[in-house]
């Protein structure tokens, strides 16, 4: 039988957390392998306006914080919190040790029993310690490294060795138990096509060959042993093959993308949660567009899906996709 283009129903589902600012809640949109997206639950939010979410295939880990707020002016009620949950609906929460730092723009990635947290804006928002016992184990140099880990077994945060080059607005992914930071800006806000990876077994960061394009605020993910990075800003997309040690360009995205997320599901890449460029202020503003740009490596094509838009038709003013997981 010719299975080209046939998607078998997977054992896991893709879940997207969509913020509804006016209603102060998150709605969970889910895709389970059928050509339809449904709203499966809603969650009331607190005073935090952002959360970064990841999963280790058993639990959902959630870092709550106030995005892009100056850490020096946040009060105690706005300090970040960290939890894990037994389901995507964030039921049966377990409070984990408070992060030692006041995150304001973070990404999470799991490797074995550790959750790595990347502070995406170290130059604009230098991190500040929280007033916790855990924070006292971090010296000033360790705080400014921009990347940290939480050990799930010990319920403790630890510093990670310094990156080879400190950059902001890189994107982070994991491939074969290696942690990758792709692209970013230097302290002068110059874009770079620099990438690096961390091998936790030896505690060393190493540089990768330079990518074809610069990527700032890009989305990246791993699929079938290869690392895909797209947008940031613009439509350009490329992949890195860790075995061959080289980059290749792939088809450009359907639309410009920046500060979005990319996740593999059903043998495809799903890009969503885009920010749009405001050509008057030259800044990027959050978009309420719930369309998904879906990439097929087999055909090397991106296709716009309106599944989430259709699922949201009876809701009011969705703000943006803040994160997503497969579980």
C-alpha atoms as a PDB file:
ATOM      1  CA  UNK A   1       0.000   0.000   0.000  1.00  0.00           C
ATOM      2  CA  UNK A   2       1.253   3.473  -0.825  1.00  0.00           C
ATOM      3  CA  UNK A   3       1.341   5.409   2.444  1.00  0.00           C
ATOM      4  CA  UNK A   4       2.648   8.685   0.981  1.00  0.00           C
ATOM      5  CA  UNK A   5       0.784  11.513   2.671  1.00  0.00           C
ATOM      6  CA  UNK A   6      -1.171   9.169   4.956  1.00  0.00           C
ATOM      7  CA  UNK A   7      -1.104  10.141   8.644  1.00  0.00           C
ATOM      8  CA  UNK A   8      -1.760   7.296  11.057  1.00  0.00           C
ATOM      9  CA  UNK A   9      -3.488   8.332  14.263  1.00  0.00           C
ATOM     10  CA  UNK A  10      -0.770   8.771  16.904  1.00  0.00           C
ATOM     11  CA  UNK A  11      -0.872   7.628  20.515  1.00  0.00           C
ATOM     12  CA  UNK A  12      -0.231  11.189  21.725  1.00  0.00           C
ATOM     13  CA  UNK A  13      -1.930  14.503  21.041  1.00  0.00           C
ATOM     14  CA  UNK A  14      -0.658  17.991  20.282  1.00  0.00           C
ATOM     15  CA  UNK A  15      -1.876  20.569  22.811  1.00  0.00           C
ATOM     16  CA  UNK A  16      -1.706  24.344  22.409  1.00  0.00           C
ATOM     17  CA  UNK A  17      -2.187  26.777  25.302  1.00  0.00           C
ATOM     18  CA  UNK A  18      -3.926  29.921  24.029  1.00  0.00           C
ATOM     19  CA  UNK A  19      -4.162  33.027  26.179  1.00  0.00           C
ATOM     20  CA  UNK A  20      -7.451  34.928  26.401  1.00  0.00           C
ATOM     21  CA  UNK A  21      -6.494  38.213  28.075  1.00  0.00           C
ATOM     22  CA  UNK A  22      -9.988  39.662  28.521  1.00  0.00           C
ATOM     23  CA  UNK A  23     -11.248  36.508  30.217  1.00  0.00           C
ATOM     24  CA  UNK A  24      -8.027  35.952  32.208  1.00  0.00           C
ATOM     25  CA  UNK A  25      -7.724  32.328  31.164  1.00  0.00           C
ATOM     26  CA  UNK A  26      -5.971  29.822  28.943  1.00  0.00           C
ATOM     27  CA  UNK A  27      -7.859  27.547  26.604  1.00  0.00           C
ATOM     28  CA  UNK A  28      -6.301  24.250  25.572  1.00  0.00           C
ATOM     29  CA  UNK A  29      -6.635  23.416  21.874  1.00  0.00           C
ATOM     30  CA  UNK A  30      -5.882  19.778  21.033  1.00  0.00           C
ATOM     31  CA  UNK A  31      -5.170  17.798  17.870  1.00  0.00           C
ATOM     32  CA  UNK A  32      -5.246  14.012  18.133  1.00  0.00           C
ATOM     33  CA  UNK A  33      -4.343  12.979  14.611  1.00  0.00           C
ATOM     34  CA  UNK A  34      -7.719  13.676  13.028  1.00  0.00           C
ATOM     35  CA  UNK A  35      -8.064  16.621  10.621  1.00  0.00           C
ATOM     36  CA  UNK A  36      -9.767  18.643  13.335  1.00  0.00           C
ATOM     37  CA  UNK A  37      -8.750  20.744  16.328  1.00  0.00           C
ATOM     38  CA  UNK A  38     -10.958  20.966  19.415  1.00  0.00           C
ATOM     39  CA  UNK A  39     -10.957  23.023  22.608  1.00  0.00           C
ATOM     40  CA  UNK A  40     -10.544  20.434  25.354  1.00  0.00           C
ATOM     41  CA  UNK A  41     -10.384  22.564  28.500  1.00  0.00           C
ATOM     42  CA  UNK A  42      -9.820  26.008  29.966  1.00  0.00           C
ATOM     43  CA  UNK A  43      -7.628  27.156  32.855  1.00  0.00           C
ATOM     44  CA  UNK A  44      -7.987  30.308  34.921  1.00  0.00           C
ATOM     45  CA  UNK A  45      -4.740  32.253  35.050  1.00  0.00           C
ATOM     46  CA  UNK A  46      -3.197  34.232  37.889  1.00  0.00           C
ATOM     47  CA  UNK A  47      -1.288  37.507  37.933  1.00  0.00           C
ATOM     48  CA  UNK A  48       1.327  36.003  35.603  1.00  0.00           C
ATOM     49  CA  UNK A  49       0.998  36.878  31.927  1.00  0.00           C
ATOM     50  CA  UNK A  50       3.288  34.162  30.563  1.00  0.00           C
ATOM     51  CA  UNK A  51       4.239  30.566  31.182  1.00  0.00           C
ATOM     52  CA  UNK A  52       6.838  28.330  29.547  1.00  0.00           C
ATOM     53  CA  UNK A  53       5.841  24.673  29.360  1.00  0.00           C
ATOM     54  CA  UNK A  54       7.670  21.424  28.678  1.00  0.00           C
ATOM     55  CA  UNK A  55       7.128  17.726  29.356  1.00  0.00           C
ATOM     56  CA  UNK A  56       9.292  14.718  30.133  1.00  0.00           C
ATOM     57  CA  UNK A  57       6.625  12.325  28.744  1.00  0.00           C
ATOM     58  CA  UNK A  58       5.236  11.825  32.259  1.00  0.00           C
ATOM     59  CA  UNK A  59       4.563  15.257  33.728  1.00  0.00           C
ATOM     60  CA  UNK A  60       3.945  18.787  32.499  1.00  0.00           C
ATOM     61  CA  UNK A  61       6.398  21.356  33.894  1.00  0.00           C
ATOM     62  CA  UNK A  62       5.313  24.989  33.927  1.00  0.00           C
ATOM     63  CA  UNK A  63       7.376  28.095  34.721  1.00  0.00           C
ATOM     64  CA  UNK A  64       5.095  31.086  35.417  1.00  0.00           C
ATOM     65  CA  UNK A  65       6.455  34.635  35.124  1.00  0.00           C
ATOM     66  CA  UNK A  66       5.712  38.150  33.901  1.00  0.00           C
ATOM     67  CA  UNK A  67       7.067  38.532  30.393  1.00  0.00           C
ATOM     68  CA  UNK A  68       9.482  41.331  29.549  1.00  0.00           C
ATOM     69  CA  UNK A  69       9.012  43.193  32.823  1.00  0.00           C
ATOM     70  CA  UNK A  70      12.020  44.769  34.515  1.00  0.00           C
ATOM     71  CA  UNK A  71      12.970  42.279  37.295  1.00  0.00           C
ATOM     72  CA  UNK A  72      14.147  45.122  39.532  1.00  0.00           C
ATOM     73  CA  UNK A  73      10.626  46.581  39.847  1.00  0.00           C
ATOM     74  CA  UNK A  74       8.624  43.371  40.312  1.00  0.00           C
ATOM     75  CA  UNK A  75       7.161  42.842  43.781  1.00  0.00           C
ATOM     76  CA  UNK A  76       7.076  39.580  45.707  1.00  0.00           C
ATOM     77  CA  UNK A  77       3.662  38.565  44.321  1.00  0.00           C
ATOM     78  CA  UNK A  78       5.091  38.664  40.807  1.00  0.00           C
ATOM     79  CA  UNK A  79       8.052  36.377  41.468  1.00  0.00           C
ATOM     80  CA  UNK A  80       8.203  33.320  39.182  1.00  0.00           C
ATOM     81  CA  UNK A  81       6.729  30.004  40.266  1.00  0.00           C
ATOM     82  CA  UNK A  82       7.474  26.486  39.074  1.00  0.00           C
ATOM     83  CA  UNK A  83       5.093  23.509  39.113  1.00  0.00           C
ATOM     84  CA  UNK A  84       4.527  20.135  37.606  1.00  0.00           C
ATOM     85  CA  UNK A  85       1.176  18.634  36.726  1.00  0.00           C
ATOM     86  CA  UNK A  86      -0.172  15.181  36.087  1.00  0.00           C
ATOM     87  CA  UNK A  87      -1.966  16.184  32.885  1.00  0.00           C
ATOM     88  CA  UNK A  88      -2.061  18.803  30.150  1.00  0.00           C
ATOM     89  CA  UNK A  89      -5.088  20.293  31.906  1.00  0.00           C
ATOM     90  CA  UNK A  90      -2.751  21.312  34.732  1.00  0.00           C
ATOM     91  CA  UNK A  91      -4.632  19.326  37.347  1.00  0.00           C
ATOM     92  CA  UNK A  92      -3.091  18.018  40.584  1.00  0.00           C
ATOM     93  CA  UNK A  93      -0.337  20.600  40.774  1.00  0.00           C
ATOM     94  CA  UNK A  94       2.832  19.977  42.742  1.00  0.00           C
ATOM     95  CA  UNK A  95       4.745  23.060  43.831  1.00  0.00           C
ATOM     96  CA  UNK A  96       8.415  22.812  42.947  1.00  0.00           C
ATOM     97  CA  UNK A  97      11.298  24.827  44.311  1.00  0.00           C
ATOM     98  CA  UNK A  98      10.998  28.495  43.375  1.00  0.00           C
ATOM     99  CA  UNK A  99      13.532  29.461  40.694  1.00  0.00           C
ATOM    100  CA  UNK A 100      16.538  31.300  42.127  1.00  0.00           C
ATOM    101  CA  UNK A 101      16.181  33.987  39.450  1.00  0.00           C
ATOM    102  CA  UNK A 102      13.394  36.307  38.308  1.00  0.00           C
ATOM    103  CA  UNK A 103      12.765  35.102  34.762  1.00  0.00           C
ATOM    104  CA  UNK A 104      11.059  37.509  32.360  1.00  0.00           C
ATOM    105  CA  UNK A 105      11.544  35.674  29.043  1.00  0.00           C
ATOM    106  CA  UNK A 106      12.303  31.972  29.255  1.00  0.00           C
ATOM    107  CA  UNK A 107      12.357  28.735  27.283  1.00  0.00           C
ATOM    108  CA  UNK A 108      12.432  25.215  28.757  1.00  0.00           C
ATOM    109  CA  UNK A 109      13.888  21.968  27.397  1.00  0.00           C
ATOM    110  CA  UNK A 110      14.161  18.567  29.129  1.00  0.00           C
ATOM    111  CA  UNK A 111      17.177  16.249  29.022  1.00  0.00           C
ATOM    112  CA  UNK A 112      16.850  13.077  31.068  1.00  0.00           C
ATOM    113  CA  UNK A 113      16.105  14.161  34.670  1.00  0.00           C
ATOM    114  CA  UNK A 114      16.908  17.832  34.129  1.00  0.00           C
ATOM    115  CA  UNK A 115      14.887  20.782  32.834  1.00  0.00           C
ATOM    116  CA  UNK A 116      17.077  23.452  31.200  1.00  0.00           C
ATOM    117  CA  UNK A 117      15.885  27.066  31.355  1.00  0.00           C
ATOM    118  CA  UNK A 118      17.219  29.684  28.931  1.00  0.00           C
ATOM    119  CA  UNK A 119      16.862  33.393  29.727  1.00  0.00           C
ATOM    120  CA  UNK A 120      16.291  34.885  26.285  1.00  0.00           C
ATOM    121  CA  UNK A 121      17.019  38.570  27.038  1.00  0.00           C
ATOM    122  CA  UNK A 122      20.150  38.845  29.241  1.00  0.00           C
ATOM    123  CA  UNK A 123      21.180  42.249  27.844  1.00  0.00           C
ATOM    124  CA  UNK A 124      17.815  43.995  28.038  1.00  0.00           C
ATOM    125  CA  UNK A 125      16.740  42.390  31.330  1.00  0.00           C
ATOM    126  CA  UNK A 126      19.719  41.254  33.442  1.00  0.00           C
ATOM    127  CA  UNK A 127      18.487  38.650  35.878  1.00  0.00           C
ATOM    128  CA  UNK A 128      17.931  39.356  39.542  1.00  0.00           C
ATOM    129  CA  UNK A 129      18.060  36.817  42.361  1.00  0.00           C
ATOM    130  CA  UNK A 130      14.940  35.765  44.191  1.00  0.00           C
ATOM    131  CA  UNK A 131      15.091  35.855  47.962  1.00  0.00           C
ATOM    132  CA  UNK A 132      15.305  32.080  48.372  1.00  0.00           C
ATOM    133  CA  UNK A 133      17.816  29.699  49.912  1.00  0.00           C
ATOM    134  CA  UNK A 134      18.404  28.191  46.474  1.00  0.00           C
ATOM    135  CA  UNK A 135      19.506  31.556  45.055  1.00  0.00           C
ATOM    136  CA  UNK A 136      22.302  31.854  47.614  1.00  0.00           C
ATOM    137  CA  UNK A 137      24.189  29.049  45.856  1.00  0.00           C
ATOM    138  CA  UNK A 138      24.507  31.208  42.702  1.00  0.00           C
ATOM    139  CA  UNK A 139      27.259  33.805  42.476  1.00  0.00           C
ATOM    140  CA  UNK A 140      26.971  36.877  40.241  1.00  0.00           C
ATOM    141  CA  UNK A 141      28.890  35.319  37.367  1.00  0.00           C
ATOM    142  CA  UNK A 142      26.661  32.225  37.378  1.00  0.00           C
ATOM    143  CA  UNK A 143      23.522  34.358  37.397  1.00  0.00           C
ATOM    144  CA  UNK A 144      24.634  36.188  34.257  1.00  0.00           C
ATOM    145  CA  UNK A 145      25.327  33.037  32.210  1.00  0.00           C
ATOM    146  CA  UNK A 146      21.774  33.011  30.878  1.00  0.00           C
ATOM    147  CA  UNK A 147      21.117  29.277  31.191  1.00  0.00           C
ATOM    148  CA  UNK A 148      20.312  27.118  34.188  1.00  0.00           C
ATOM    149  CA  UNK A 149      18.993  23.668  35.040  1.00  0.00           C
ATOM    150  CA  UNK A 150      16.457  22.210  37.403  1.00  0.00           C
ATOM    151  CA  UNK A 151      17.112  18.666  38.621  1.00  0.00           C
ATOM    152  CA  UNK A 152      13.802  16.823  38.910  1.00  0.00           C
ATOM    153  CA  UNK A 153      15.113  14.226  41.375  1.00  0.00           C
ATOM    154  CA  UNK A 154      16.613  16.751  43.786  1.00  0.00           C
ATOM    155  CA  UNK A 155      14.050  19.543  43.326  1.00  0.00           C
ATOM    156  CA  UNK A 156      16.957  21.970  43.060  1.00  0.00           C
ATOM    157  CA  UNK A 157      18.241  24.553  40.581  1.00  0.00           C
ATOM    158  CA  UNK A 158      21.879  24.571  39.446  1.00  0.00           C
ATOM    159  CA  UNK A 159      24.057  26.797  37.240  1.00  0.00           C
ATOM    160  CA  UNK A 160      25.187  25.532  33.825  1.00  0.00           C
ATOM    161  CA  UNK A 161      28.705  26.180  32.451  1.00  0.00           C
ATOM    162  CA  UNK A 162      29.056  29.400  30.458  1.00  0.00           C
ATOM    163  CA  UNK A 163      28.113  29.298  26.789  1.00  0.00           C
ATOM    164  CA  UNK A 164      30.884  29.898  24.266  1.00  0.00           C
ATOM    165  CA  UNK A 165      29.161  33.135  23.282  1.00  0.00           C
ATOM    166  CA  UNK A 166      26.459  34.933  25.255  1.00  0.00           C
ATOM    167  CA  UNK A 167      23.623  35.870  22.904  1.00  0.00           C
ATOM    168  CA  UNK A 168      20.044  36.917  23.397  1.00  0.00           C
ATOM    169  CA  UNK A 169      16.916  35.786  21.538  1.00  0.00           C
ATOM    170  CA  UNK A 170      18.417  32.458  20.497  1.00  0.00           C
ATOM    171  CA  UNK A 171      16.080  29.493  20.102  1.00  0.00           C
ATOM    172  CA  UNK A 172      16.660  26.289  22.060  1.00  0.00           C
ATOM    173  CA  UNK A 173      16.097  22.625  21.292  1.00  0.00           C
ATOM    174  CA  UNK A 174      17.395  19.172  22.244  1.00  0.00           C
ATOM    175  CA  UNK A 175      18.744  16.536  19.865  1.00  0.00           C
ATOM    176  CA  UNK A 176      20.237  13.222  21.018  1.00  0.00           C
ATOM    177  CA  UNK A 177      20.623  14.522  24.589  1.00  0.00           C
ATOM    178  CA  UNK A 178      22.526  17.594  23.397  1.00  0.00           C
ATOM    179  CA  UNK A 179      21.214  21.086  24.142  1.00  0.00           C
ATOM    180  CA  UNK A 180      21.323  23.499  21.180  1.00  0.00           C
ATOM    181  CA  UNK A 181      21.104  27.299  21.080  1.00  0.00           C
ATOM    182  CA  UNK A 182      20.568  28.578  17.541  1.00  0.00           C
ATOM    183  CA  UNK A 183      21.134  32.155  16.349  1.00  0.00           C
ATOM    184  CA  UNK A 184      20.589  35.277  18.418  1.00  0.00           C
ATOM    185  CA  UNK A 185      21.866  38.822  18.946  1.00  0.00           C
ATOM    186  CA  UNK A 186      25.008  40.093  20.624  1.00  0.00           C
ATOM    187  CA  UNK A 187      25.107  42.903  23.192  1.00  0.00           C
ATOM    188  CA  UNK A 188      25.142  45.475  20.356  1.00  0.00           C
ATOM    189  CA  UNK A 189      21.899  43.988  18.986  1.00  0.00           C
ATOM    190  CA  UNK A 190      23.684  42.728  15.886  1.00  0.00           C
ATOM    191  CA  UNK A 191      22.165  39.523  14.512  1.00  0.00           C
ATOM    192  CA  UNK A 192      24.418  36.473  14.281  1.00  0.00           C
ATOM    193  CA  UNK A 193      24.335  33.168  12.430  1.00  0.00           C
ATOM    194  CA  UNK A 194      26.158  31.585  15.353  1.00  0.00           C
ATOM    195  CA  UNK A 195      24.986  28.348  16.990  1.00  0.00           C
ATOM    196  CA  UNK A 196      26.322  26.242  19.846  1.00  0.00           C
ATOM    197  CA  UNK A 197      25.529  23.041  21.700  1.00  0.00           C
ATOM    198  CA  UNK A 198      26.061  21.707  25.211  1.00  0.00           C
ATOM    199  CA  UNK A 199      27.123  18.172  26.089  1.00  0.00           C
ATOM    200  CA  UNK A 200      26.130  17.664  29.742  1.00  0.00           C
ATOM    201  CA  UNK A 201      28.313  14.546  30.002  1.00  0.00           C
ATOM    202  CA  UNK A 202      31.468  16.645  29.798  1.00  0.00           C
ATOM    203  CA  UNK A 203      30.019  20.032  30.771  1.00  0.00           C
ATOM    204  CA  UNK A 204      31.305  21.822  27.657  1.00  0.00           C
ATOM    205  CA  UNK A 205      29.704  24.081  25.036  1.00  0.00           C
ATOM    206  CA  UNK A 206      30.918  23.759  21.445  1.00  0.00           C
ATOM    207  CA  UNK A 207      30.312  25.911  18.373  1.00  0.00           C
ATOM    208  CA  UNK A 208      28.485  24.630  15.292  1.00  0.00           C
ATOM    209  CA  UNK A 209      29.188  25.557  11.685  1.00  0.00           C
ATOM    210  CA  UNK A 210      27.503  28.856  10.893  1.00  0.00           C
ATOM    211  CA  UNK A 211      24.005  28.703   9.445  1.00  0.00           C
ATOM    212  CA  UNK A 212      23.143  30.240   6.073  1.00  0.00           C
ATOM    213  CA  UNK A 213      21.075  33.014   7.642  1.00  0.00           C
ATOM    214  CA  UNK A 214      20.892  34.907  10.902  1.00  0.00           C
ATOM    215  CA  UNK A 215      17.999  33.944  13.175  1.00  0.00           C
ATOM    216  CA  UNK A 216      16.731  36.217  15.967  1.00  0.00           C
ATOM    217  CA  UNK A 217      13.575  35.180  17.788  1.00  0.00           C
ATOM    218  CA  UNK A 218      13.332  32.132  15.545  1.00  0.00           C
ATOM    219  CA  UNK A 219      11.531  28.879  16.242  1.00  0.00           C
ATOM    220  CA  UNK A 220      13.440  25.612  16.273  1.00  0.00           C
ATOM    221  CA  UNK A 221      12.782  21.972  16.983  1.00  0.00           C
ATOM    222  CA  UNK A 222      14.139  18.480  16.361  1.00  0.00           C
ATOM    223  CA  UNK A 223      12.555  15.917  14.066  1.00  0.00           C
ATOM    224  CA  UNK A 224      14.020  12.599  12.899  1.00  0.00           C
ATOM    225  CA  UNK A 225      17.460  13.435  14.260  1.00  0.00           C
ATOM    226  CA  UNK A 226      17.733  16.789  12.503  1.00  0.00           C
ATOM    227  CA  UNK A 227      17.382  20.322  13.849  1.00  0.00           C
ATOM    228  CA  UNK A 228      15.011  22.672  12.055  1.00  0.00           C
ATOM    229  CA  UNK A 229      15.111  26.444  12.521  1.00  0.00           C
ATOM    230  CA  UNK A 230      12.679  28.789  10.817  1.00  0.00           C
ATOM    231  CA  UNK A 231      11.824  32.466  10.744  1.00  0.00           C
ATOM    232  CA  UNK A 232      13.318  34.948  13.133  1.00  0.00           C
ATOM    233  CA  UNK A 233      12.319  37.189  11.455  1.00  0.00           C
ATOM    234  CA  UNK A 234      11.168  36.430   7.940  1.00  0.00           C
ATOM    235  CA  UNK A 235      10.346  33.194   6.132  1.00  0.00           C
ATOM    236  CA  UNK A 236      13.765  31.580   5.752  1.00  0.00           C
ATOM    237  CA  UNK A 237      14.084  28.035   7.108  1.00  0.00           C
ATOM    238  CA  UNK A 238      16.986  25.615   7.295  1.00  0.00           C
ATOM    239  CA  UNK A 239      18.011  22.378   8.949  1.00  0.00           C
ATOM    240  CA  UNK A 240      21.171  21.174  10.652  1.00  0.00           C
ATOM    241  CA  UNK A 241      22.257  17.542  10.422  1.00  0.00           C
ATOM    242  CA  UNK A 242      24.373  16.759  13.527  1.00  0.00           C
ATOM    243  CA  UNK A 243      25.820  13.603  11.946  1.00  0.00           C
ATOM    244  CA  UNK A 244      26.886  15.305   8.707  1.00  0.00           C
ATOM    245  CA  UNK A 245      27.798  18.483  10.584  1.00  0.00           C
ATOM    246  CA  UNK A 246      26.265  20.794   7.982  1.00  0.00           C
ATOM    247  CA  UNK A 247      23.342  23.101   7.285  1.00  0.00           C
ATOM    248  CA  UNK A 248      20.889  22.895   4.382  1.00  0.00           C
ATOM    249  CA  UNK A 249      18.231  25.365   3.313  1.00  0.00           C
ATOM    250  CA  UNK A 250      14.668  24.086   3.108  1.00  0.00           C
ATOM    251  CA  UNK A 251      11.548  25.662   1.611  1.00  0.00           C
ATOM    252  CA  UNK A 252      10.692  29.082   3.088  1.00  0.00           C
ATOM    253  CA  UNK A 253       7.734  29.371   5.427  1.00  0.00           C
ATOM    254  CA  UNK A 254       4.328  30.425   4.154  1.00  0.00           C
ATOM    255  CA  UNK A 255       4.470  33.683   6.105  1.00  0.00           C
ATOM    256  CA  UNK A 256       6.948  35.800   8.062  1.00  0.00           C
ATOM    257  CA  UNK A 257       7.447  34.444  11.564  1.00  0.00           C
ATOM    258  CA  UNK A 258       9.137  35.692  14.735  1.00  0.00           C
ATOM    259  CA  UNK A 259       8.940  34.778  18.441  1.00  0.00           C
ATOM    260  CA  UNK A 260       6.865  31.751  17.491  1.00  0.00           C
ATOM    261  CA  UNK A 261       7.067  28.123  18.590  1.00  0.00           C
ATOM    262  CA  UNK A 262       7.777  25.056  16.477  1.00  0.00           C
ATOM    263  CA  UNK A 263       6.954  21.505  17.508  1.00  0.00           C
ATOM    264  CA  UNK A 264       7.119  18.121  15.715  1.00  0.00           C
ATOM    265  CA  UNK A 265       3.937  16.069  15.530  1.00  0.00           C
ATOM    266  CA  UNK A 266       2.781  13.285  13.193  1.00  0.00           C
ATOM    267  CA  UNK A 267       5.965  13.542  11.123  1.00  0.00           C
ATOM    268  CA  UNK A 268       5.505  17.255  10.480  1.00  0.00           C
ATOM    269  CA  UNK A 269       6.588  20.542  12.008  1.00  0.00           C
ATOM    270  CA  UNK A 270       3.886  22.819  13.385  1.00  0.00           C
ATOM    271  CA  UNK A 271       4.750  26.538  13.696  1.00  0.00           C
ATOM    272  CA  UNK A 272       2.375  28.827  15.602  1.00  0.00           C
ATOM    273  CA  UNK A 273       2.081  31.745  18.030  1.00  0.00           C
ATOM    274  CA  UNK A 274       3.595  34.285  15.677  1.00  0.00           C
ATOM    275  CA  UNK A 275       4.424  37.917  16.354  1.00  0.00           C
ATOM    276  CA  UNK A 276       3.919  40.456  13.572  1.00  0.00           C
ATOM    277  CA  UNK A 277       6.216  43.319  12.625  1.00  0.00           C
ATOM    278  CA  UNK A 278       4.801  46.789  13.245  1.00  0.00           C
ATOM    279  CA  UNK A 279       6.384  48.741  10.409  1.00  0.00           C
ATOM    280  CA  UNK A 280       5.553  52.080  12.076  1.00  0.00           C
ATOM    281  CA  UNK A 281       7.339  51.400  15.365  1.00  0.00           C
ATOM    282  CA  UNK A 282       9.631  48.713  13.785  1.00  0.00           C
ATOM    283  CA  UNK A 283       8.863  46.491  16.783  1.00  0.00           C
ATOM    284  CA  UNK A 284       7.071  43.141  16.925  1.00  0.00           C
ATOM    285  CA  UNK A 285       3.591  42.896  18.382  1.00  0.00           C
ATOM    286  CA  UNK A 286       1.689  39.850  19.550  1.00  0.00           C
ATOM    287  CA  UNK A 287      -0.618  38.444  16.894  1.00  0.00           C
ATOM    288  CA  UNK A 288      -4.068  36.965  17.496  1.00  0.00           C
ATOM    289  CA  UNK A 289      -3.704  34.897  14.311  1.00  0.00           C
ATOM    290  CA  UNK A 290      -4.260  31.234  15.258  1.00  0.00           C
ATOM    291  CA  UNK A 291      -3.284  29.797  11.888  1.00  0.00           C
ATOM    292  CA  UNK A 292      -0.580  27.123  11.890  1.00  0.00           C
ATOM    293  CA  UNK A 293       2.203  26.791   9.313  1.00  0.00           C
ATOM    294  CA  UNK A 294       2.768  23.054   8.847  1.00  0.00           C
ATOM    295  CA  UNK A 295       5.932  21.689   7.227  1.00  0.00           C
ATOM    296  CA  UNK A 296       6.288  18.308   5.504  1.00  0.00           C
ATOM    297  CA  UNK A 297       9.899  17.156   5.132  1.00  0.00           C
ATOM    298  CA  UNK A 298       8.755  14.571   2.585  1.00  0.00           C
ATOM    299  CA  UNK A 299       7.431  17.170   0.146  1.00  0.00           C
ATOM    300  CA  UNK A 300       9.551  20.085   1.450  1.00  0.00           C
ATOM    301  CA  UNK A 301       6.454  22.270   1.594  1.00  0.00           C
ATOM    302  CA  UNK A 302       4.820  24.546   4.160  1.00  0.00           C
ATOM    303  CA  UNK A 303       1.017  24.683   4.270  1.00  0.00           C
ATOM    304  CA  UNK A 304      -1.227  27.006   6.276  1.00  0.00           C
ATOM    305  CA  UNK A 305      -3.777  25.194   8.462  1.00  0.00           C
ATOM    306  CA  UNK A 306      -6.850  26.959   9.841  1.00  0.00           C
ATOM    307  CA  UNK A 307      -7.687  24.171  12.316  1.00  0.00           C
ATOM    308  CA  UNK A 308      -7.201  26.341  15.413  1.00  0.00           C
ATOM    309  CA  UNK A 309      -8.967  29.324  13.863  1.00  0.00           C
ATOM    310  CA  UNK A 310     -12.000  27.148  13.147  1.00  0.00           C
ATOM    311  CA  UNK A 311     -11.944  25.686  16.663  1.00  0.00           C
ATOM    312  CA  UNK A 312     -11.919  29.204  18.167  1.00  0.00           C
ATOM    313  CA  UNK A 313     -14.838  30.507  16.125  1.00  0.00           C
ATOM    314  CA  UNK A 314     -17.227  30.561  19.105  1.00  0.00           C
ATOM    315  CA  UNK A 315     -14.746  32.176  21.515  1.00  0.00           C
ATOM    316  CA  UNK A 316     -13.973  35.869  21.957  1.00  0.00           C
ATOM    317  CA  UNK A 317     -10.641  37.571  21.361  1.00  0.00           C
ATOM    318  CA  UNK A 318      -7.989  34.864  21.544  1.00  0.00           C
ATOM    319  CA  UNK A 319      -4.673  36.573  22.230  1.00  0.00           C
ATOM    320  CA  UNK A 320      -1.913  34.182  21.180  1.00  0.00           C
ATOM    321  CA  UNK A 321      -0.482  30.683  21.546  1.00  0.00           C
ATOM    322  CA  UNK A 322       1.902  30.905  24.495  1.00  0.00           C
ATOM    323  CA  UNK A 323       3.275  27.353  24.299  1.00  0.00           C
ATOM    324  CA  UNK A 324       2.561  23.796  23.204  1.00  0.00           C
ATOM    325  CA  UNK A 325       3.391  20.202  24.092  1.00  0.00           C
ATOM    326  CA  UNK A 326       2.871  16.681  22.779  1.00  0.00           C
ATOM    327  CA  UNK A 327       1.586  14.270  25.410  1.00  0.00           C
END
